[in-house]
Protein backbone atom coordinates (compact mmCIF):
# COMPACT_ATOMS: atom_id res chain seq x y z
CA MET A 1 -27.13 -32.05 1.37
CA ARG A 2 -23.67 -33.94 1.82
CA LYS A 3 -22.16 -32.11 -0.95
CA PHE A 4 -23.21 -28.71 -0.10
CA PHE A 5 -21.58 -29.09 3.43
CA ILE A 6 -18.53 -30.45 1.96
CA ALA A 7 -18.41 -27.50 -0.54
CA VAL A 8 -18.96 -25.07 2.20
CA THR A 9 -16.10 -26.61 4.49
CA LEU A 10 -13.84 -26.53 1.55
CA LEU A 11 -14.44 -22.99 0.90
CA LEU A 12 -13.87 -22.17 4.65
CA LEU A 13 -10.51 -23.89 4.60
CA ILE A 14 -9.15 -22.41 1.26
CA SER A 15 -10.44 -18.84 1.56
CA PRO A 16 -7.91 -17.61 4.21
CA ALA A 17 -5.12 -18.58 2.12
CA PHE A 18 -6.32 -16.10 -0.78
CA SER A 19 -7.93 -13.64 1.80
CA GLN A 20 -4.94 -11.22 2.55
CA LYS A 21 -2.56 -9.48 -0.27
CA LEU A 22 -1.26 -6.40 -1.47
CA SER A 23 -3.87 -5.11 -3.69
CA GLN A 24 -3.28 -1.38 -4.61
CA VAL A 25 -0.50 1.22 -4.22
CA THR A 26 -1.46 4.79 -4.20
CA PHE A 27 0.40 8.08 -4.98
CA SER A 28 -0.71 11.58 -4.73
CA GLY A 29 0.01 13.72 -7.78
CA GLY A 30 1.75 10.96 -9.50
CA MET A 31 4.62 11.95 -6.97
CA ASN A 32 4.40 11.19 -3.28
CA PHE A 33 3.51 7.94 -1.95
CA SER A 34 0.16 7.94 -0.08
CA TYR A 35 -0.52 4.10 1.26
CA PHE A 36 -0.69 0.72 0.52
CA SER A 37 -4.14 -1.10 0.31
CA PHE A 38 -4.41 -4.85 1.29
CA LEU A 39 -7.49 -6.75 0.16
CA ALA A 40 -8.78 -8.85 3.21
CA ASP A 41 -12.39 -10.17 3.29
CA PRO A 42 -13.66 -9.91 -0.16
CA GLY A 43 -14.09 -6.36 -1.23
CA ILE A 44 -12.78 -4.86 1.92
CA LEU A 45 -9.64 -2.66 1.76
CA MET A 46 -7.03 -1.99 4.49
CA ARG A 47 -5.09 1.24 3.85
CA VAL A 48 -1.56 1.08 5.52
CA THR A 49 1.26 3.73 5.41
CA ASP A 50 4.78 2.66 4.68
CA GLU A 51 5.57 2.99 8.21
CA GLY A 52 3.00 0.29 9.25
CA LYS A 53 0.08 2.35 10.37
CA LEU A 54 -3.37 1.29 9.65
CA LEU A 55 -5.23 4.35 8.25
CA GLU A 56 -8.57 3.23 7.09
CA TRP A 57 -10.73 0.46 5.96
CA GLY A 58 -13.71 -0.02 4.07
CA THR A 59 -14.96 -0.68 0.37
CA GLU A 60 -14.48 1.20 -2.92
CA LEU A 61 -17.33 2.90 -4.56
CA LEU A 62 -17.39 3.16 -8.27
CA SER A 63 -19.22 5.87 -9.85
CA ASP A 64 -22.20 5.12 -12.28
CA ARG A 65 -20.40 7.57 -14.66
CA GLY A 66 -17.02 6.35 -15.92
CA ASN A 67 -14.42 4.45 -14.49
CA TYR A 68 -13.95 6.65 -11.40
CA TYR A 69 -13.89 5.48 -7.74
CA ASP A 70 -14.36 7.60 -4.71
CA PRO A 71 -11.20 8.29 -2.94
CA LYS A 72 -12.79 7.74 0.44
CA LEU A 73 -13.66 4.28 1.46
CA GLN A 74 -17.06 3.44 2.49
CA PRO A 75 -17.56 2.61 5.97
CA TYR A 76 -17.27 -1.15 6.95
CA LEU A 77 -20.40 -1.96 8.92
CA GLY A 78 -19.50 -5.50 10.28
CA ARG A 79 -17.56 -6.57 13.42
CA ILE A 80 -14.58 -4.84 14.63
CA GLU A 81 -12.58 -5.75 17.75
CA TYR A 82 -9.93 -3.95 19.69
CA TYR A 83 -7.10 -5.03 21.86
CA GLY A 84 -7.99 -4.44 25.51
CA GLN A 85 -6.14 -3.40 28.65
CA GLU A 86 -4.29 -6.81 29.00
CA ALA A 87 -2.38 -6.02 25.66
CA ASP A 88 1.26 -4.52 25.48
CA SER A 89 0.94 -0.93 25.79
CA ALA A 90 2.56 -0.55 22.27
CA PHE A 91 -0.74 -1.58 20.80
CA ARG A 92 -3.49 -1.54 23.47
CA GLY A 93 -6.61 -0.24 22.04
CA ARG A 94 -5.70 -0.66 18.55
CA ILE A 95 -7.70 -2.70 16.04
CA ARG A 96 -7.41 -6.43 16.64
CA SER A 97 -9.74 -7.60 13.87
CA ILE A 98 -12.05 -6.43 11.06
CA GLY A 99 -14.49 -9.12 10.01
CA THR A 100 -12.31 -12.29 9.79
CA CYS A 101 -9.26 -10.54 9.25
CA THR A 102 -6.99 -10.29 12.44
CA PHE A 103 -4.26 -7.90 13.10
CA THR A 104 -1.02 -8.14 15.23
CA TYR A 105 1.60 -5.44 16.06
CA TYR A 106 5.19 -5.28 17.53
CA GLY A 107 5.44 -4.88 21.05
CA HIS A 108 8.02 -3.28 23.32
CA LEU A 109 10.18 -6.27 23.40
CA ASP A 110 10.80 -5.62 19.41
CA GLU A 111 13.31 -3.54 17.95
CA THR A 112 12.68 0.16 18.51
CA THR A 113 12.00 1.18 14.94
CA LYS A 114 9.17 -1.61 14.97
CA VAL A 115 7.27 -1.06 18.25
CA GLY A 116 3.73 -0.30 17.58
CA LYS A 117 3.77 -1.12 14.09
CA LEU A 118 1.82 -3.62 12.03
CA LYS A 119 3.21 -7.08 12.20
CA SER A 120 0.54 -9.11 10.23
CA ILE A 121 -2.55 -8.76 8.39
CA GLY A 122 -4.43 -11.99 8.67
CA THR A 123 -1.76 -14.41 7.33
CA LEU A 124 0.34 -11.59 5.60
CA LEU A 125 3.50 -10.97 7.62
CA LEU A 126 5.12 -7.45 7.54
CA ASP A 127 8.59 -6.48 8.50
CA TYR A 128 10.39 -3.13 8.36
CA TYR A 129 13.82 -1.69 7.76
CA SER A 130 16.07 -1.20 10.99
CA ASN A 131 17.93 1.30 12.76
CA PHE A 132 21.18 0.10 11.04
CA ASP A 133 19.75 0.63 7.63
CA ASN A 134 19.99 3.69 5.34
CA ALA A 135 18.28 7.02 6.89
CA ALA A 136 16.20 7.74 3.84
CA TYR A 137 14.16 4.43 4.51
CA LYS A 138 14.79 3.38 8.05
CA GLY A 139 11.66 2.04 9.64
CA LYS A 140 9.76 1.83 6.40
CA LEU A 141 8.19 -1.39 5.32
CA ARG A 142 10.88 -4.00 4.05
CA PHE A 143 8.59 -6.92 3.44
CA ILE A 144 4.95 -7.90 2.60
CA GLY A 145 4.81 -11.32 2.95
CA SER A 146 7.50 -12.74 0.46
CA SER A 147 7.83 -9.57 -1.65
CA VAL A 148 10.66 -7.26 -0.94
CA LEU A 149 10.39 -3.40 -1.01
CA GLU A 150 13.23 -1.40 -1.95
CA TYR A 151 13.81 2.39 -1.76
CA TYR A 152 16.30 4.89 -3.19
CA SER A 153 18.84 5.79 -0.65
CA SER A 154 20.12 9.16 0.87
CA VAL A 155 22.98 9.27 -1.87
CA ASP A 156 20.64 9.20 -4.69
CA ASP A 157 19.12 11.93 -6.58
CA GLU A 158 17.07 14.38 -4.28
CA ALA A 159 14.01 14.30 -6.73
CA TYR A 160 13.33 10.48 -5.78
CA ARG A 161 15.59 10.09 -2.45
CA GLY A 162 13.44 7.90 0.02
CA LYS A 163 10.91 6.79 -2.63
CA LEU A 164 10.09 3.39 -3.70
CA LYS A 165 12.36 1.57 -5.94
CA THR A 166 10.97 -1.73 -6.29
CA ILE A 167 7.71 -3.74 -5.09
CA GLY A 168 8.36 -7.34 -5.54
CA ASN A 169 9.41 -7.93 -9.26
CA ASN A 170 8.13 -4.39 -10.10
CA SER A 171 10.83 -1.61 -10.36
CA ILE A 172 9.86 1.98 -10.02
CA THR A 173 11.74 4.92 -11.69
CA TRP A 174 11.26 8.47 -11.45
CA TYR A 175 11.76 11.64 -13.06
CA SER A 176 15.09 13.47 -11.85
CA THR A 177 16.36 16.88 -10.83
CA PHE A 178 17.73 17.13 -14.51
CA ASP A 179 14.15 16.88 -15.99
CA ASP A 180 11.71 19.74 -16.76
CA LYS A 181 10.77 21.51 -13.19
CA LEU A 182 7.21 20.13 -13.61
CA LEU A 183 8.42 16.60 -13.97
CA LYS A 184 11.05 16.11 -11.53
CA GLY A 185 10.04 13.59 -8.80
CA LYS A 186 7.08 12.32 -10.78
CA LEU A 187 6.49 8.62 -11.78
CA LYS A 188 8.49 7.77 -14.92
CA ARG A 189 8.21 3.92 -15.18
CA ILE A 190 6.37 1.24 -12.98
CA GLY A 191 7.73 -2.09 -14.35
CA SER A 192 7.46 -1.97 -18.11
CA VAL A 193 4.58 0.57 -18.15
CA PRO A 194 6.02 4.33 -18.92
CA PHE A 195 4.26 7.50 -17.36
CA GLU A 196 4.62 10.88 -19.32
CA TRP A 197 3.48 14.03 -18.09
CA TYR A 198 2.88 17.44 -19.79
CA SER A 199 5.83 19.69 -19.25
CA SER A 200 6.43 23.53 -18.43
CA PHE A 201 6.63 23.86 -22.63
CA ASP A 202 3.15 22.65 -22.72
CA LYS A 203 -0.20 24.59 -22.74
CA THR A 204 -0.89 26.10 -19.39
CA GLU A 205 -4.03 24.19 -18.86
CA LEU A 206 -2.17 20.90 -19.38
CA ARG A 207 1.07 21.60 -17.62
CA GLY A 208 1.98 18.75 -14.85
CA ALA A 209 -1.00 16.60 -15.95
CA LEU A 210 -0.72 12.94 -17.26
CA LYS A 211 0.02 12.81 -20.93
CA SER A 212 0.40 9.12 -21.46
CA GLY A 213 -0.44 6.23 -19.10
CA LEU A 214 -3.53 5.49 -16.91
CA TYR A 215 -4.51 7.15 -13.54
CA ARG A 216 -5.25 3.60 -12.43
CA GLN A 217 -3.36 0.47 -13.87
CA THR A 218 -2.70 -2.90 -12.95
CA ILE A 219 0.88 -4.03 -13.26
CA GLY A 220 2.24 -7.27 -12.12
CA GLY A 221 -1.09 -8.17 -10.23
CA ILE A 222 -0.96 -4.67 -8.35
CA THR A 223 -3.12 -1.89 -8.98
CA TYR A 224 -1.20 1.42 -8.77
CA ILE A 225 -3.32 4.69 -8.47
CA LEU A 226 -2.22 8.22 -9.34
CA ARG A 227 -4.49 10.60 -7.49
């Protein structure tokens, strides 16, 4: 019995250190960024925009037929708390905790580009580009914990201007305006993994679809999803 209580205590002590992390990055059509997904309590995902807005939370549902996940998360039925009237008006009424994962937000005393945005998800700290940064990524996420996010600037090719350039150690490249019209702006490579797409020279029914690479692939510990 003593060993059981020791094991439970150790589990409670160490689990918070591993409970929050960037788990997924989702793109629409392999072109436009959709959201980051953070893993909190076991199996619970928190979807957040690149400007620090919490979109939804819940669990993924895997289809019985093949490796297909429902794009919509299954509702979380556990305890959810909200900030009350005593809180800063920048985040009053917003989610305070989901299960054991707590959320904090930047208040009115912080820089204007940060006010009302998520400041932390559990132990994971978030920070953003400021008013003094390039207009293409001003106000977007800059740090997720110790991982740095970089974006292409307003002087880069218009096909990927403002899009993600790096997430931690993973570099991201895109097809440019000089590529085929159906390719420009689409993902070209994440880290060492290339993505190829059918072009306007291919069969009509294939054009614009993924030719090589996976729609859901783990690269550098993060799952990248193309929808």
